[in-house]
Amino acid sequence: MGLFTRRSNATTTATTAPAAGAVATLEADPALAALTGDYTIDAAHSSIGFTVRHAMVTNVRGSFGEHEGLLHLDGSDPSRSTAAIDLKIASIDTGIADRDNHLRSGDFFDAEQFPVMRFRSTEAAQLGGTAYRVTGELTIKDVTRPLSIDLEFNGSAKDVYGNERVGFEGSTEILRSDWGLTWNAALETGGVMVSDKVKLTFDISAVKQA
């Protein structure tokens, strides 16, 4: 996917901003200034998933197994933190191969023509304590729309290999039709097969760059 180079402001180009939830790491507290820097999302210890209502009666959960991201954290001014993340559509996994192939098809994501979903932050704000909100632009297929993600900073630690890590988790909800994902089927009992509302979830571990 090849995302990242550092940038000084949060724009929507695919070659600069850092990763979903950068702001969610730091308060404006001098004690946390040591965390300032650039971080790479550790995909092996992170998950990005979704939940959608199926047939009006149950939830289907899935995830994107291949993703990469970069974040810049500013310990003195969290509002200057930035975030970027790319998700590889072909890596979508709901546990059912036929369903996954349908999601990759032109009825939904059209992974062959639009292989990557992208988020680029434009704004970050501390809501209080360890709660933050990152606002940015989400691109699915050829549609880019604003999106806000509420995040909780889970802390920092040095792992057994000497890497400085930060962690955060969060969620947001979207209407998939806003991004042109409109396929559906009517049910005999009323309602539709797939809900328009989708919940996105993030559980992220990121490693500070040397």
Protein backbone atom coordinates (compact mmCIF):
# COMPACT_ATOMS: atom_id res chain seq x y z
CA MET A 1 0.00 0.00 0.00
CA GLY A 2 2.93 2.25 0.61
CA LEU A 3 1.54 5.14 2.59
CA PHE A 4 3.69 7.35 4.52
CA THR A 5 5.90 10.32 4.62
CA ARG A 6 5.69 12.85 7.42
CA ARG A 7 3.93 16.12 6.79
CA SER A 8 3.61 19.28 8.79
CA ASN A 9 -0.13 19.74 8.36
CA ALA A 10 -3.05 17.39 7.98
CA THR A 11 -4.17 17.27 4.36
CA THR A 12 -5.84 14.47 2.47
CA THR A 13 -3.03 13.29 0.21
CA ALA A 14 -2.19 9.62 0.56
CA THR A 15 1.51 10.16 1.16
CA THR A 16 1.62 12.07 4.35
CA ALA A 17 -0.60 12.22 7.38
CA PRO A 18 -0.12 9.64 10.22
CA ALA A 19 -2.57 6.99 11.64
CA ALA A 20 -6.06 6.76 12.95
CA GLY A 21 -6.01 8.06 16.44
CA ALA A 22 -2.66 9.77 16.74
CA VAL A 23 -4.30 12.36 18.91
CA ALA A 24 -5.61 9.68 21.20
CA THR A 25 -2.28 9.30 22.80
CA LEU A 26 -1.30 12.52 24.48
CA GLU A 27 -2.68 15.13 26.79
CA ALA A 28 -1.17 18.61 27.00
CA ASP A 29 0.95 17.47 29.95
CA PRO A 30 4.74 17.95 30.13
CA ALA A 31 5.07 14.51 31.73
CA LEU A 32 3.92 12.98 28.46
CA ALA A 33 6.21 15.02 26.23
CA ALA A 34 8.56 12.03 25.84
CA LEU A 35 5.88 10.31 23.79
CA THR A 36 6.04 12.98 21.09
CA GLY A 37 7.18 11.54 17.78
CA ASP A 38 6.23 9.37 14.83
CA TYR A 39 4.72 5.93 15.29
CA THR A 40 3.99 3.02 13.01
CA ILE A 41 0.91 0.90 13.60
CA ASP A 42 1.87 -2.68 14.49
CA ALA A 43 -0.61 -4.58 12.34
CA ALA A 44 0.25 -7.88 14.04
CA HIS A 45 -1.06 -6.54 17.36
CA SER A 46 -3.85 -4.30 16.12
CA SER A 47 -7.32 -4.89 14.74
CA ILE A 48 -9.69 -2.81 12.64
CA GLY A 49 -13.16 -4.24 12.41
CA PHE A 50 -16.78 -3.58 11.62
CA THR A 51 -20.24 -4.72 12.70
CA VAL A 52 -23.37 -4.58 10.56
CA ARG A 53 -26.93 -5.76 11.15
CA HIS A 54 -27.99 -8.72 8.98
CA ALA A 55 -31.59 -9.62 8.11
CA MET A 56 -32.77 -7.21 10.83
CA VAL A 57 -32.14 -9.80 13.57
CA THR A 58 -28.42 -10.39 14.12
CA ASN A 59 -24.99 -8.81 13.71
CA VAL A 60 -22.25 -9.84 11.32
CA ARG A 61 -18.71 -8.92 12.36
CA GLY A 62 -15.63 -8.69 10.22
CA SER A 63 -12.20 -7.14 9.99
CA PHE A 64 -9.53 -6.00 7.56
CA GLY A 65 -6.53 -8.25 8.07
CA GLU A 66 -4.09 -6.09 6.10
CA HIS A 67 -3.67 -2.48 7.13
CA GLU A 68 -0.89 0.00 7.72
CA GLY A 69 -0.73 3.36 9.38
CA LEU A 70 1.43 6.13 10.72
CA LEU A 71 0.75 8.62 13.46
CA HIS A 72 2.46 11.71 14.70
CA LEU A 73 1.87 12.47 18.37
CA ASP A 74 2.43 15.90 19.86
CA GLY A 75 2.74 15.77 23.64
CA SER A 76 2.63 19.53 24.10
CA ASP A 77 -0.34 20.19 21.85
CA PRO A 78 -2.52 17.15 21.01
CA SER A 79 -4.40 19.20 18.42
CA ARG A 80 -1.26 19.07 16.28
CA SER A 81 -1.25 15.28 16.22
CA THR A 82 -2.10 13.68 12.90
CA ALA A 83 -3.28 10.33 11.64
CA ALA A 84 -3.42 8.20 8.50
CA ILE A 85 -4.38 4.62 7.83
CA ASP A 86 -4.85 2.43 4.77
CA LEU A 87 -6.96 -0.75 4.73
CA LYS A 88 -6.56 -3.34 1.99
CA ILE A 89 -10.06 -4.23 0.82
CA ALA A 90 -9.04 -7.68 -0.43
CA SER A 91 -8.17 -8.60 3.17
CA ILE A 92 -11.76 -8.30 4.38
CA ASP A 93 -12.71 -11.29 6.54
CA THR A 94 -16.12 -12.16 7.98
CA GLY A 95 -15.37 -15.87 8.35
CA ILE A 96 -17.45 -16.88 5.32
CA ALA A 97 -15.59 -17.05 2.00
CA ASP A 98 -18.65 -16.53 -0.23
CA ARG A 99 -19.71 -13.49 1.77
CA ASP A 100 -16.19 -12.05 1.68
CA ASN A 101 -16.05 -12.47 -2.10
CA HIS A 102 -19.39 -10.71 -2.41
CA LEU A 103 -18.10 -7.80 -0.31
CA ARG A 104 -15.04 -7.56 -2.58
CA SER A 105 -17.25 -7.48 -5.69
CA GLY A 106 -18.76 -4.54 -7.52
CA ASP A 107 -21.92 -4.85 -5.43
CA PHE A 108 -19.96 -3.48 -2.49
CA PHE A 109 -16.30 -2.38 -2.36
CA ASP A 110 -15.18 -3.32 -5.89
CA ALA A 111 -11.74 -4.30 -4.58
CA GLU A 112 -10.25 -4.78 -8.04
CA GLN A 113 -10.88 -1.17 -9.05
CA PHE A 114 -10.60 0.40 -5.58
CA PRO A 115 -8.16 -1.76 -3.59
CA VAL A 116 -7.63 0.57 -0.60
CA MET A 117 -9.84 2.36 1.94
CA ARG A 118 -8.14 5.44 3.38
CA PHE A 119 -8.50 7.71 6.39
CA ARG A 120 -6.59 11.02 6.71
CA SER A 121 -6.99 13.23 9.75
CA THR A 122 -7.68 16.94 9.48
CA GLU A 123 -8.29 17.80 13.15
CA ALA A 124 -7.68 16.36 16.61
CA ALA A 125 -9.15 17.38 19.96
CA GLN A 126 -8.98 16.26 23.58
CA LEU A 127 -12.46 15.68 25.00
CA GLY A 128 -11.25 15.31 28.57
CA GLY A 129 -8.99 12.93 30.47
CA THR A 130 -7.88 10.15 28.14
CA ALA A 131 -10.72 10.69 25.66
CA TYR A 132 -10.02 12.21 22.25
CA ARG A 133 -11.70 12.79 18.93
CA VAL A 134 -9.98 12.61 15.57
CA THR A 135 -11.78 14.16 12.63
CA GLY A 136 -10.72 13.56 9.07
CA GLU A 137 -11.71 12.25 5.68
CA LEU A 138 -12.59 8.66 4.86
CA THR A 139 -12.28 7.50 1.26
CA ILE A 140 -14.13 4.40 0.12
CA LYS A 141 -14.09 3.63 -3.58
CA ASP A 142 -14.17 7.08 -5.24
CA VAL A 143 -16.10 8.86 -2.47
CA THR A 144 -14.44 10.97 0.24
CA ARG A 145 -16.50 12.21 3.16
CA PRO A 146 -15.80 13.61 6.66
CA LEU A 147 -15.59 11.20 9.58
CA SER A 148 -15.00 11.60 13.33
CA ILE A 149 -13.60 8.82 15.52
CA ASP A 150 -13.81 8.86 19.33
CA LEU A 151 -10.78 7.26 20.96
CA GLU A 152 -9.50 6.27 24.36
CA PHE A 153 -5.78 6.40 25.10
CA ASN A 154 -4.83 3.09 26.76
CA GLY A 155 -1.33 4.07 27.84
CA SER A 156 2.27 3.51 26.81
CA ALA A 157 4.87 0.85 27.57
CA LYS A 158 8.27 -0.42 26.54
CA ASP A 159 8.04 -3.95 25.19
CA VAL A 160 10.56 -6.79 25.68
CA TYR A 161 12.42 -5.70 22.54
CA GLY A 162 12.89 -2.17 23.83
CA ASN A 163 10.23 -0.63 21.58
CA GLU A 164 8.19 2.26 22.92
CA ARG A 165 4.52 1.46 22.32
CA VAL A 166 1.27 3.36 22.67
CA GLY A 167 -2.23 1.92 22.53
CA PHE A 168 -5.69 3.25 21.90
CA GLU A 169 -9.13 1.99 21.04
CA GLY A 170 -12.19 3.63 19.61
CA SER A 171 -15.22 3.42 17.41
CA THR A 172 -17.51 5.34 15.12
CA GLU A 173 -20.61 4.71 13.03
CA ILE A 174 -21.21 5.44 9.37
CA LEU A 175 -24.02 5.05 6.88
CA ARG A 176 -22.51 2.96 4.11
CA SER A 177 -24.83 4.55 1.55
CA ASP A 178 -22.98 7.85 2.10
CA TRP A 179 -20.01 6.18 0.40
CA GLY A 180 -22.03 4.61 -2.40
CA LEU A 181 -22.35 1.15 -0.83
CA THR A 182 -26.04 0.72 -1.54
CA TRP A 183 -26.53 -2.96 -2.46
CA ASN A 184 -29.39 -4.59 -0.58
CA ALA A 185 -32.23 -7.08 -0.80
CA ALA A 186 -35.76 -6.78 0.57
CA LEU A 187 -37.02 -9.32 3.09
CA GLU A 188 -40.42 -10.95 2.76
CA THR A 189 -41.21 -9.99 6.33
CA GLY A 190 -40.22 -6.37 5.74
CA GLY A 191 -36.93 -4.57 6.09
CA VAL A 192 -33.73 -5.30 4.23
CA MET A 193 -30.95 -7.86 4.27
CA VAL A 194 -28.10 -5.50 5.23
CA SER A 195 -28.34 -2.47 7.51
CA ASP A 196 -27.20 0.88 6.19
CA LYS A 197 -25.54 1.65 9.55
CA VAL A 198 -22.08 0.16 10.10
CA LYS A 199 -20.01 0.37 13.28
CA LEU A 200 -16.25 0.65 12.82
CA THR A 201 -13.93 -0.36 15.67
CA PHE A 202 -10.23 0.26 16.24
CA ASP A 203 -7.85 -1.45 18.67
CA ILE A 204 -4.39 -0.16 17.90
CA SER A 205 -0.84 -0.73 19.10
CA ALA A 206 1.78 1.55 17.55
CA VAL A 207 5.58 1.54 17.85
CA LYS A 208 7.67 4.69 18.06
CA GLN A 209 10.12 5.16 15.22
CA ALA A 210 13.79 5.47 16.02
